[in-house]
Amino acid sequence: MAATYRIVVRGEIDDRFAFLFNGMRMERVEGTTVLTGTVVDQAQLHGYIDRLAELGLDLIRIEQLGELVGLAGLRPKERGKSDR
């Protein structure tokens, strides 16, 4: 299931590498880079971790900020239907 993640690495990733992270927002903060955005599944998350390692960057932290739930993932009551 897709979720929003924040990934923090030591070092500053140049904008020319942004395409490697499929539109995640990149912010450079005091010698680190913070990547924030949607990750569709664990395979994609591991792919990002591998890319960071290939770039020689040290992983500091990974945080899941929240799951993205679509209408299909809600129970009928949450969709506005009554339980009968």
PDB file of N, CA and C in Angstrom:
ATOM      1  N   MET A   1       0.838  -1.176   0.000  1.00  0.00           N
ATOM      2  CA  MET A   1       0.000   0.000   0.000  1.00  0.00           C
ATOM      3  C   MET A   1       0.886   1.244   0.000  1.00  0.00           C
ATOM      4  N   ALA A   2       0.509   2.221  -0.750  1.00  0.00           N
ATOM      5  CA  ALA A   2       1.285   3.455  -0.850  1.00  0.00           C
ATOM      6  C   ALA A   2       1.282   4.219   0.469  1.00  0.00           C
ATOM      7  N   ALA A   3       2.403   4.869   0.733  1.00  0.00           N
ATOM      8  CA  ALA A   3       2.533   5.664   1.951  1.00  0.00           C
ATOM      9  C   ALA A   3       3.491   6.819   1.676  1.00  0.00           C
ATOM     10  N   THR A   4       3.399   7.840   2.514  1.00  0.00           N
ATOM     11  CA  THR A   4       4.320   8.970   2.428  1.00  0.00           C
ATOM     12  C   THR A   4       5.495   8.693   3.347  1.00  0.00           C
ATOM     13  N   TYR A   5       6.700   8.901   2.811  1.00  0.00           N
ATOM     14  CA  TYR A   5       7.925   8.665   3.574  1.00  0.00           C
ATOM     15  C   TYR A   5       8.807   9.902   3.585  1.00  0.00           C
ATOM     16  N   ARG A   6       9.596  10.009   4.645  1.00  0.00           N
ATOM     17  CA  ARG A   6      10.671  11.002   4.730  1.00  0.00           C
ATOM     18  C   ARG A   6      11.963  10.202   4.895  1.00  0.00           C
ATOM     19  N   ILE A   7      12.904  10.445   3.981  1.00  0.00           N
ATOM     20  CA  ILE A   7      14.193   9.756   3.993  1.00  0.00           C
ATOM     21  C   ILE A   7      15.271  10.819   4.161  1.00  0.00           C
ATOM     22  N   VAL A   8      16.119  10.660   5.167  1.00  0.00           N
ATOM     23  CA  VAL A   8      17.176  11.631   5.444  1.00  0.00           C
ATOM     24  C   VAL A   8      18.523  10.952   5.236  1.00  0.00           C
ATOM     25  N   VAL A   9      19.389  11.597   4.444  1.00  0.00           N
ATOM     26  CA  VAL A   9      20.732  11.075   4.198  1.00  0.00           C
ATOM     27  C   VAL A   9      21.777  12.138   4.509  1.00  0.00           C
ATOM     28  N   ARG A  10      22.963  11.681   4.880  1.00  0.00           N
ATOM     29  CA  ARG A  10      24.078  12.595   5.098  1.00  0.00           C
ATOM     30  C   ARG A  10      24.639  12.962   3.733  1.00  0.00           C
ATOM     31  N   GLY A  11      24.818  14.240   3.501  1.00  0.00           N
ATOM     32  CA  GLY A  11      25.303  14.722   2.213  1.00  0.00           C
ATOM     33  C   GLY A  11      24.188  15.413   1.450  1.00  0.00           C
ATOM     34  N   GLU A  12      24.576  16.197   0.475  1.00  0.00           N
ATOM     35  CA  GLU A  12      23.595  16.954  -0.296  1.00  0.00           C
ATOM     36  C   GLU A  12      23.518  16.390  -1.707  1.00  0.00           C
ATOM     37  N   ILE A  13      22.333  15.932  -2.074  1.00  0.00           N
ATOM     38  CA  ILE A  13      22.108  15.376  -3.402  1.00  0.00           C
ATOM     39  C   ILE A  13      21.894  16.522  -4.377  1.00  0.00           C
ATOM     40  N   ASP A  14      22.642  16.522  -5.438  1.00  0.00           N
ATOM     41  CA  ASP A  14      22.515  17.528  -6.485  1.00  0.00           C
ATOM     42  C   ASP A  14      21.192  17.336  -7.231  1.00  0.00           C
ATOM     43  N   ASP A  15      20.612  18.415  -7.709  1.00  0.00           N
ATOM     44  CA  ASP A  15      19.334  18.356  -8.434  1.00  0.00           C
ATOM     45  C   ASP A  15      19.386  17.442  -9.658  1.00  0.00           C
ATOM     46  N   ARG A  16      20.543  17.242 -10.232  1.00  0.00           N
ATOM     47  CA  ARG A  16      20.632  16.398 -11.431  1.00  0.00           C
ATOM     48  C   ARG A  16      20.290  14.937 -11.125  1.00  0.00           C
ATOM     49  N   PHE A  17      20.257  14.552  -9.851  1.00  0.00           N
ATOM     50  CA  PHE A  17      19.910  13.186  -9.471  1.00  0.00           C
ATOM     51  C   PHE A  17      18.448  13.050  -9.044  1.00  0.00           C
ATOM     52  N   ALA A  18      17.690  14.127  -9.092  1.00  0.00           N
ATOM     53  CA  ALA A  18      16.291  14.111  -8.627  1.00  0.00           C
ATOM     54  C   ALA A  18      15.457  13.074  -9.378  1.00  0.00           C
ATOM     55  N   PHE A  19      15.741  12.864 -10.655  1.00  0.00           N
ATOM     56  CA  PHE A  19      14.962  11.917 -11.449  1.00  0.00           C
ATOM     57  C   PHE A  19      15.052  10.492 -10.897  1.00  0.00           C
ATOM     58  N   LEU A  20      16.096  10.191 -10.141  1.00  0.00           N
ATOM     59  CA  LEU A  20      16.259   8.857  -9.568  1.00  0.00           C
ATOM     60  C   LEU A  20      15.235   8.555  -8.476  1.00  0.00           C
ATOM     61  N   PHE A  21      14.576   9.596  -7.999  1.00  0.00           N
ATOM     62  CA  PHE A  21      13.663   9.438  -6.870  1.00  0.00           C
ATOM     63  C   PHE A  21      12.226   9.791  -7.234  1.00  0.00           C
ATOM     64  N   ASN A  22      11.866   9.644  -8.496  1.00  0.00           N
ATOM     65  CA  ASN A  22      10.494   9.731  -9.008  1.00  0.00           C
ATOM     66  C   ASN A  22       9.646  10.850  -8.429  1.00  0.00           C
ATOM     67  N   GLY A  23      10.159  12.059  -8.443  1.00  0.00           N
ATOM     68  CA  GLY A  23       9.359  13.211  -8.041  1.00  0.00           C
ATOM     69  C   GLY A  23       9.273  13.466  -6.548  1.00  0.00           C
ATOM     70  N   MET A  24      10.062  12.764  -5.761  1.00  0.00           N
ATOM     71  CA  MET A  24      10.064  13.080  -4.329  1.00  0.00           C
ATOM     72  C   MET A  24      10.636  14.489  -4.149  1.00  0.00           C
ATOM     73  N   ARG A  25      10.122  15.210  -3.171  1.00  0.00           N
ATOM     74  CA  ARG A  25      10.632  16.556  -2.884  1.00  0.00           C
ATOM     75  C   ARG A  25      11.998  16.416  -2.218  1.00  0.00           C
ATOM     76  N   MET A  26      12.970  17.173  -2.699  1.00  0.00           N
ATOM     77  CA  MET A  26      14.321  17.157  -2.138  1.00  0.00           C
ATOM     78  C   MET A  26      14.593  18.485  -1.466  1.00  0.00           C
ATOM     79  N   GLU A  27      15.016  18.403  -0.217  1.00  0.00           N
ATOM     80  CA  GLU A  27      15.359  19.616   0.531  1.00  0.00           C
ATOM     81  C   GLU A  27      16.721  19.399   1.177  1.00  0.00           C
ATOM     82  N   ARG A  28      17.623  20.343   0.978  1.00  0.00           N
ATOM     83  CA  ARG A  28      18.947  20.264   1.587  1.00  0.00           C
ATOM     84  C   ARG A  28      18.946  21.056   2.885  1.00  0.00           C
ATOM     85  N   VAL A  29      19.339  20.380   3.979  1.00  0.00           N
ATOM     86  CA  VAL A  29      19.298  20.998   5.297  1.00  0.00           C
ATOM     87  C   VAL A  29      20.589  20.670   6.037  1.00  0.00           C
ATOM     88  N   GLU A  30      21.442  21.683   6.241  1.00  0.00           N
ATOM     89  CA  GLU A  30      22.645  21.561   7.062  1.00  0.00           C
ATOM     90  C   GLU A  30      23.457  20.300   6.784  1.00  0.00           C
ATOM     91  N   GLY A  31      23.844  20.100   5.525  1.00  0.00           N
ATOM     92  CA  GLY A  31      24.685  18.961   5.177  1.00  0.00           C
ATOM     93  C   GLY A  31      23.952  17.652   4.985  1.00  0.00           C
ATOM     94  N   THR A  32      22.624  17.706   4.997  1.00  0.00           N
ATOM     95  CA  THR A  32      21.830  16.510   4.738  1.00  0.00           C
ATOM     96  C   THR A  32      20.870  16.790   3.587  1.00  0.00           C
ATOM     97  N   THR A  33      20.302  15.728   3.044  1.00  0.00           N
ATOM     98  CA  THR A  33      19.216  15.862   2.078  1.00  0.00           C
ATOM     99  C   THR A  33      18.020  15.130   2.640  1.00  0.00           C
ATOM    100  N   VAL A  34      16.867  15.791   2.599  1.00  0.00           N
ATOM    101  CA  VAL A  34      15.618  15.201   3.062  1.00  0.00           C
ATOM    102  C   VAL A  34      14.747  14.966   1.831  1.00  0.00           C
ATOM    103  N   LEU A  35      14.412  13.699   1.592  1.00  0.00           N
ATOM    104  CA  LEU A  35      13.518  13.320   0.502  1.00  0.00           C
ATOM    105  C   LEU A  35      12.162  13.018   1.112  1.00  0.00           C
ATOM    106  N   THR A  36      11.101  13.628   0.577  1.00  0.00           N
ATOM    107  CA  THR A  36       9.754  13.398   1.091  1.00  0.00           C
ATOM    108  C   THR A  36       8.825  13.144  -0.085  1.00  0.00           C
ATOM    109  N   GLY A  37       8.036  12.079   0.020  1.00  0.00           N
ATOM    110  CA  GLY A  37       7.089  11.800  -1.045  1.00  0.00           C
ATOM    111  C   GLY A  37       6.450  10.433  -0.913  1.00  0.00           C
ATOM    112  N   THR A  38       5.653  10.101  -1.915  1.00  0.00           N
ATOM    113  CA  THR A  38       4.912   8.856  -1.929  1.00  0.00           C
ATOM    114  C   THR A  38       5.788   7.705  -2.399  1.00  0.00           C
ATOM    115  N   VAL A  39       5.703   6.616  -1.658  1.00  0.00           N
ATOM    116  CA  VAL A  39       6.371   5.366  -2.022  1.00  0.00           C
ATOM    117  C   VAL A  39       5.248   4.340  -2.190  1.00  0.00           C
ATOM    118  N   VAL A  40       5.187   3.709  -3.365  1.00  0.00           N
ATOM    119  CA  VAL A  40       4.043   2.843  -3.653  1.00  0.00           C
ATOM    120  C   VAL A  40       4.104   1.486  -2.966  1.00  0.00           C
ATOM    121  N   ASP A  41       5.324   0.970  -2.730  1.00  0.00           N
ATOM    122  CA  ASP A  41       5.437  -0.325  -2.067  1.00  0.00           C
ATOM    123  C   ASP A  41       6.852  -0.512  -1.528  1.00  0.00           C
ATOM    124  N   GLN A  42       7.069  -1.621  -0.836  1.00  0.00           N
ATOM    125  CA  GLN A  42       8.372  -1.883  -0.231  1.00  0.00           C
ATOM    126  C   GLN A  42       9.471  -2.044  -1.279  1.00  0.00           C
ATOM    127  N   ALA A  43       9.140  -2.586  -2.436  1.00  0.00           N
ATOM    128  CA  ALA A  43      10.137  -2.737  -3.501  1.00  0.00           C
ATOM    129  C   ALA A  43      10.670  -1.369  -3.937  1.00  0.00           C
ATOM    130  N   GLN A  44       9.791  -0.393  -4.071  1.00  0.00           N
ATOM    131  CA  GLN A  44      10.230   0.945  -4.450  1.00  0.00           C
ATOM    132  C   GLN A  44      11.092   1.554  -3.350  1.00  0.00           C
ATOM    133  N   LEU A  45      10.705   1.373  -2.094  1.00  0.00           N
ATOM    134  CA  LEU A  45      11.486   1.897  -0.980  1.00  0.00           C
ATOM    135  C   LEU A  45      12.890   1.302  -0.983  1.00  0.00           C
ATOM    136  N   HIS A  46      12.992   0.001  -1.169  1.00  0.00           N
ATOM    137  CA  HIS A  46      14.313  -0.647  -1.213  1.00  0.00           C
ATOM    138  C   HIS A  46      15.122  -0.176  -2.417  1.00  0.00           C
ATOM    139  N   GLY A  47      14.448   0.113  -3.517  1.00  0.00           N
ATOM    140  CA  GLY A  47      15.125   0.674  -4.688  1.00  0.00           C
ATOM    141  C   GLY A  47      15.750   2.024  -4.378  1.00  0.00           C
ATOM    142  N   TYR A  48      15.013   2.874  -3.651  1.00  0.00           N
ATOM    143  CA  TYR A  48      15.559   4.174  -3.247  1.00  0.00           C
ATOM    144  C   TYR A  48      16.773   3.998  -2.332  1.00  0.00           C
ATOM    145  N   ILE A  49      16.674   3.060  -1.392  1.00  0.00           N
ATOM    146  CA  ILE A  49      17.800   2.803  -0.481  1.00  0.00           C
ATOM    147  C   ILE A  49      19.023   2.345  -1.269  1.00  0.00           C
ATOM    148  N   ASP A  50      18.812   1.478  -2.244  1.00  0.00           N
ATOM    149  CA  ASP A  50      19.925   1.016  -3.089  1.00  0.00           C
ATOM    150  C   ASP A  50      20.542   2.171  -3.866  1.00  0.00           C
ATOM    151  N   ARG A  51      19.717   3.054  -4.412  1.00  0.00           N
ATOM    152  CA  ARG A  51      20.239   4.209  -5.172  1.00  0.00           C
ATOM    153  C   ARG A  51      21.069   5.123  -4.283  1.00  0.00           C
ATOM    154  N   LEU A  52      20.600   5.338  -3.069  1.00  0.00           N
ATOM    155  CA  LEU A  52      21.353   6.188  -2.141  1.00  0.00           C
ATOM    156  C   LEU A  52      22.716   5.568  -1.842  1.00  0.00           C
ATOM    157  N   ALA A  53      22.744   4.262  -1.663  1.00  0.00           N
ATOM    158  CA  ALA A  53      24.017   3.566  -1.416  1.00  0.00           C
ATOM    159  C   ALA A  53      24.934   3.681  -2.631  1.00  0.00           C
ATOM    160  N   GLU A  54      24.376   3.549  -3.831  1.00  0.00           N
ATOM    161  CA  GLU A  54      25.169   3.686  -5.054  1.00  0.00           C
ATOM    162  C   GLU A  54      25.765   5.081  -5.192  1.00  0.00           C
ATOM    163  N   LEU A  55      25.073   6.083  -4.666  1.00  0.00           N
ATOM    164  CA  LEU A  55      25.573   7.458  -4.696  1.00  0.00           C
ATOM    165  C   LEU A  55      26.574   7.722  -3.565  1.00  0.00           C
ATOM    166  N   GLY A  56      26.789   6.725  -2.705  1.00  0.00           N
ATOM    167  CA  GLY A  56      27.757   6.855  -1.617  1.00  0.00           C
ATOM    168  C   GLY A  56      27.251   7.683  -0.444  1.00  0.00           C
ATOM    169  N   LEU A  57      25.925   7.763  -0.290  1.00  0.00           N
ATOM    170  CA  LEU A  57      25.342   8.567   0.789  1.00  0.00           C
ATOM    171  C   LEU A  57      24.981   7.688   1.975  1.00  0.00           C
ATOM    172  N   ASP A  58      25.200   8.197   3.186  1.00  0.00           N
ATOM    173  CA  ASP A  58      24.867   7.482   4.405  1.00  0.00           C
ATOM    174  C   ASP A  58      23.410   7.750   4.779  1.00  0.00           C
ATOM    175  N   LEU A  59      22.669   6.681   5.002  1.00  0.00           N
ATOM    176  CA  LEU A  59      21.280   6.786   5.419  1.00  0.00           C
ATOM    177  C   LEU A  59      21.238   7.148   6.900  1.00  0.00           C
ATOM    178  N   ILE A  60      20.523   8.215   7.228  1.00  0.00           N
ATOM    179  CA  ILE A  60      20.381   8.638   8.623  1.00  0.00           C
ATOM    180  C   ILE A  60      19.059   8.150   9.196  1.00  0.00           C
ATOM    181  N   ARG A  61      17.966   8.326   8.428  1.00  0.00           N
ATOM    182  CA  ARG A  61      16.649   7.998   8.981  1.00  0.00           C
ATOM    183  C   ARG A  61      15.643   7.782   7.852  1.00  0.00           C
ATOM    184  N   ILE A  62      14.720   6.860   8.101  1.00  0.00           N
ATOM    185  CA  ILE A  62      13.547   6.669   7.240  1.00  0.00           C
ATOM    186  C   ILE A  62      12.328   6.699   8.146  1.00  0.00           C
ATOM    187  N   GLU A  63      11.362   7.538   7.784  1.00  0.00           N
ATOM    188  CA  GLU A  63      10.126   7.639   8.562  1.00  0.00           C
ATOM    189  C   GLU A  63       8.923   7.451   7.648  1.00  0.00           C
ATOM    190  N   GLN A  64       7.990   6.624   8.058  1.00  0.00           N
ATOM    191  CA  GLN A  64       6.717   6.549   7.352  1.00  0.00           C
ATOM    192  C   GLN A  64       5.808   7.584   7.998  1.00  0.00           C
ATOM    193  N   LEU A  65       5.367   8.553   7.209  1.00  0.00           N
ATOM    194  CA  LEU A  65       4.564   9.650   7.727  1.00  0.00           C
ATOM    195  C   LEU A  65       3.085   9.331   7.734  1.00  0.00           C
ATOM    196  N   GLY A  66       2.658   8.438   6.873  1.00  0.00           N
ATOM    197  CA  GLY A  66       1.244   8.058   6.843  1.00  0.00           C
ATOM    198  C   GLY A  66       0.936   7.239   5.617  1.00  0.00           C
ATOM    199  N   GLU A  67      -0.059   6.352   5.759  1.00  0.00           N
ATOM    200  CA  GLU A  67      -0.504   5.558   4.628  1.00  0.00           C
ATOM    201  C   GLU A  67      -1.509   6.356   3.822  1.00  0.00           C
ATOM    202  N   LEU A  68      -1.476   6.150   2.518  1.00  0.00           N
ATOM    203  CA  LEU A  68      -2.449   6.778   1.642  1.00  0.00           C
ATOM    204  C   LEU A  68      -3.566   5.777   1.412  1.00  0.00           C
ATOM    205  N   VAL A  69      -4.771   6.114   1.858  1.00  0.00           N
ATOM    206  CA  VAL A  69      -5.902   5.204   1.737  1.00  0.00           C
ATOM    207  C   VAL A  69      -6.874   5.795   0.741  1.00  0.00           C
ATOM    208  N   GLY A  70      -7.187   5.036  -0.290  1.00  0.00           N
ATOM    209  CA  GLY A  70      -8.176   5.466  -1.266  1.00  0.00           C
ATOM    210  C   GLY A  70      -9.568   5.078  -0.809  1.00  0.00           C
ATOM    211  N   LEU A  71     -10.573   5.536  -1.493  1.00  0.00           N
ATOM    212  CA  LEU A  71     -11.958   5.240  -1.146  1.00  0.00           C
ATOM    213  C   LEU A  71     -12.204   3.739  -1.122  1.00  0.00           C
ATOM    214  N   ALA A  72     -11.582   2.987  -1.994  1.00  0.00           N
ATOM    215  CA  ALA A  72     -11.775   1.539  -2.052  1.00  0.00           C
ATOM    216  C   ALA A  72     -11.288   0.866  -0.773  1.00  0.00           C
ATOM    217  N   GLY A  73     -10.353   1.484  -0.071  1.00  0.00           N
ATOM    218  CA  GLY A  73      -9.823   0.899   1.146  1.00  0.00           C
ATOM    219  C   GLY A  73     -10.649   1.178   2.386  1.00  0.00           C
ATOM    220  N   LEU A  74     -11.710   1.961   2.256  1.00  0.00           N
ATOM    221  CA  LEU A  74     -12.541   2.312   3.407  1.00  0.00           C
ATOM    222  C   LEU A  74     -13.675   1.317   3.588  1.00  0.00           C
ATOM    223  N   ARG A  75     -14.071   1.119   4.826  1.00  0.00           N
ATOM    224  CA  ARG A  75     -15.238   0.284   5.122  1.00  0.00           C
ATOM    225  C   ARG A  75     -16.493   1.043   4.690  1.00  0.00           C
ATOM    226  N   PRO A  76     -17.597   0.331   4.409  1.00  0.00           N
ATOM    227  CA  PRO A  76     -18.822   1.003   3.920  1.00  0.00           C
ATOM    228  C   PRO A  76     -19.268   2.173   4.773  1.00  0.00           C
ATOM    229  N   LYS A  77     -19.215   2.060   6.099  1.00  0.00           N
ATOM    230  CA  LYS A  77     -19.651   3.150   6.968  1.00  0.00           C
ATOM    231  C   LYS A  77     -18.815   4.404   6.744  1.00  0.00           C
ATOM    232  N   GLU A  78     -17.505   4.223   6.503  1.00  0.00           N
ATOM    233  CA  GLU A  78     -16.619   5.368   6.293  1.00  0.00           C
ATOM    234  C   GLU A  78     -16.871   6.039   4.952  1.00  0.00           C
ATOM    235  N   ARG A  79     -17.468   5.308   4.000  1.00  0.00           N
ATOM    236  CA  ARG A  79     -17.778   5.859   2.688  1.00  0.00           C
ATOM    237  C   ARG A  79     -19.100   6.599   2.689  1.00  0.00           C
ATOM    238  N   GLY A  80     -19.761   6.641   3.850  1.00  0.00           N
ATOM    239  CA  GLY A  80     -21.026   7.356   3.915  1.00  0.00           C
ATOM    240  C   GLY A  80     -22.235   6.448   3.792  1.00  0.00           C
ATOM    241  N   LYS A  81     -22.018   5.124   3.680  1.00  0.00           N
ATOM    242  CA  LYS A  81     -23.124   4.184   3.601  1.00  0.00           C
ATOM    243  C   LYS A  81     -23.460   3.727   5.013  1.00  0.00           C
ATOM    244  N   SER A  82     -24.718   3.464   5.231  1.00  0.00           N
ATOM    245  CA  SER A  82     -25.125   2.993   6.554  1.00  0.00           C
ATOM    246  C   SER A  82     -24.961   1.474   6.644  1.00  0.00           C
ATOM    247  N   ASP A  83     -24.695   0.995   7.853  1.00  0.00           N
ATOM    248  CA  ASP A  83     -24.628  -0.445   8.092  1.00  0.00           C
ATOM    249  C   ASP A  83     -26.038  -0.976   8.225  1.00  0.00           C
ATOM    250  N   ARG A  84     -26.411  -1.927   7.440  1.00  0.00           N
ATOM    251  CA  ARG A  84     -27.777  -2.491   7.503  1.00  0.00           C
ATOM    252  C   ARG A  84     -27.704  -3.965   7.719  1.00  0.00           C
TER     253      ARG A  84
END
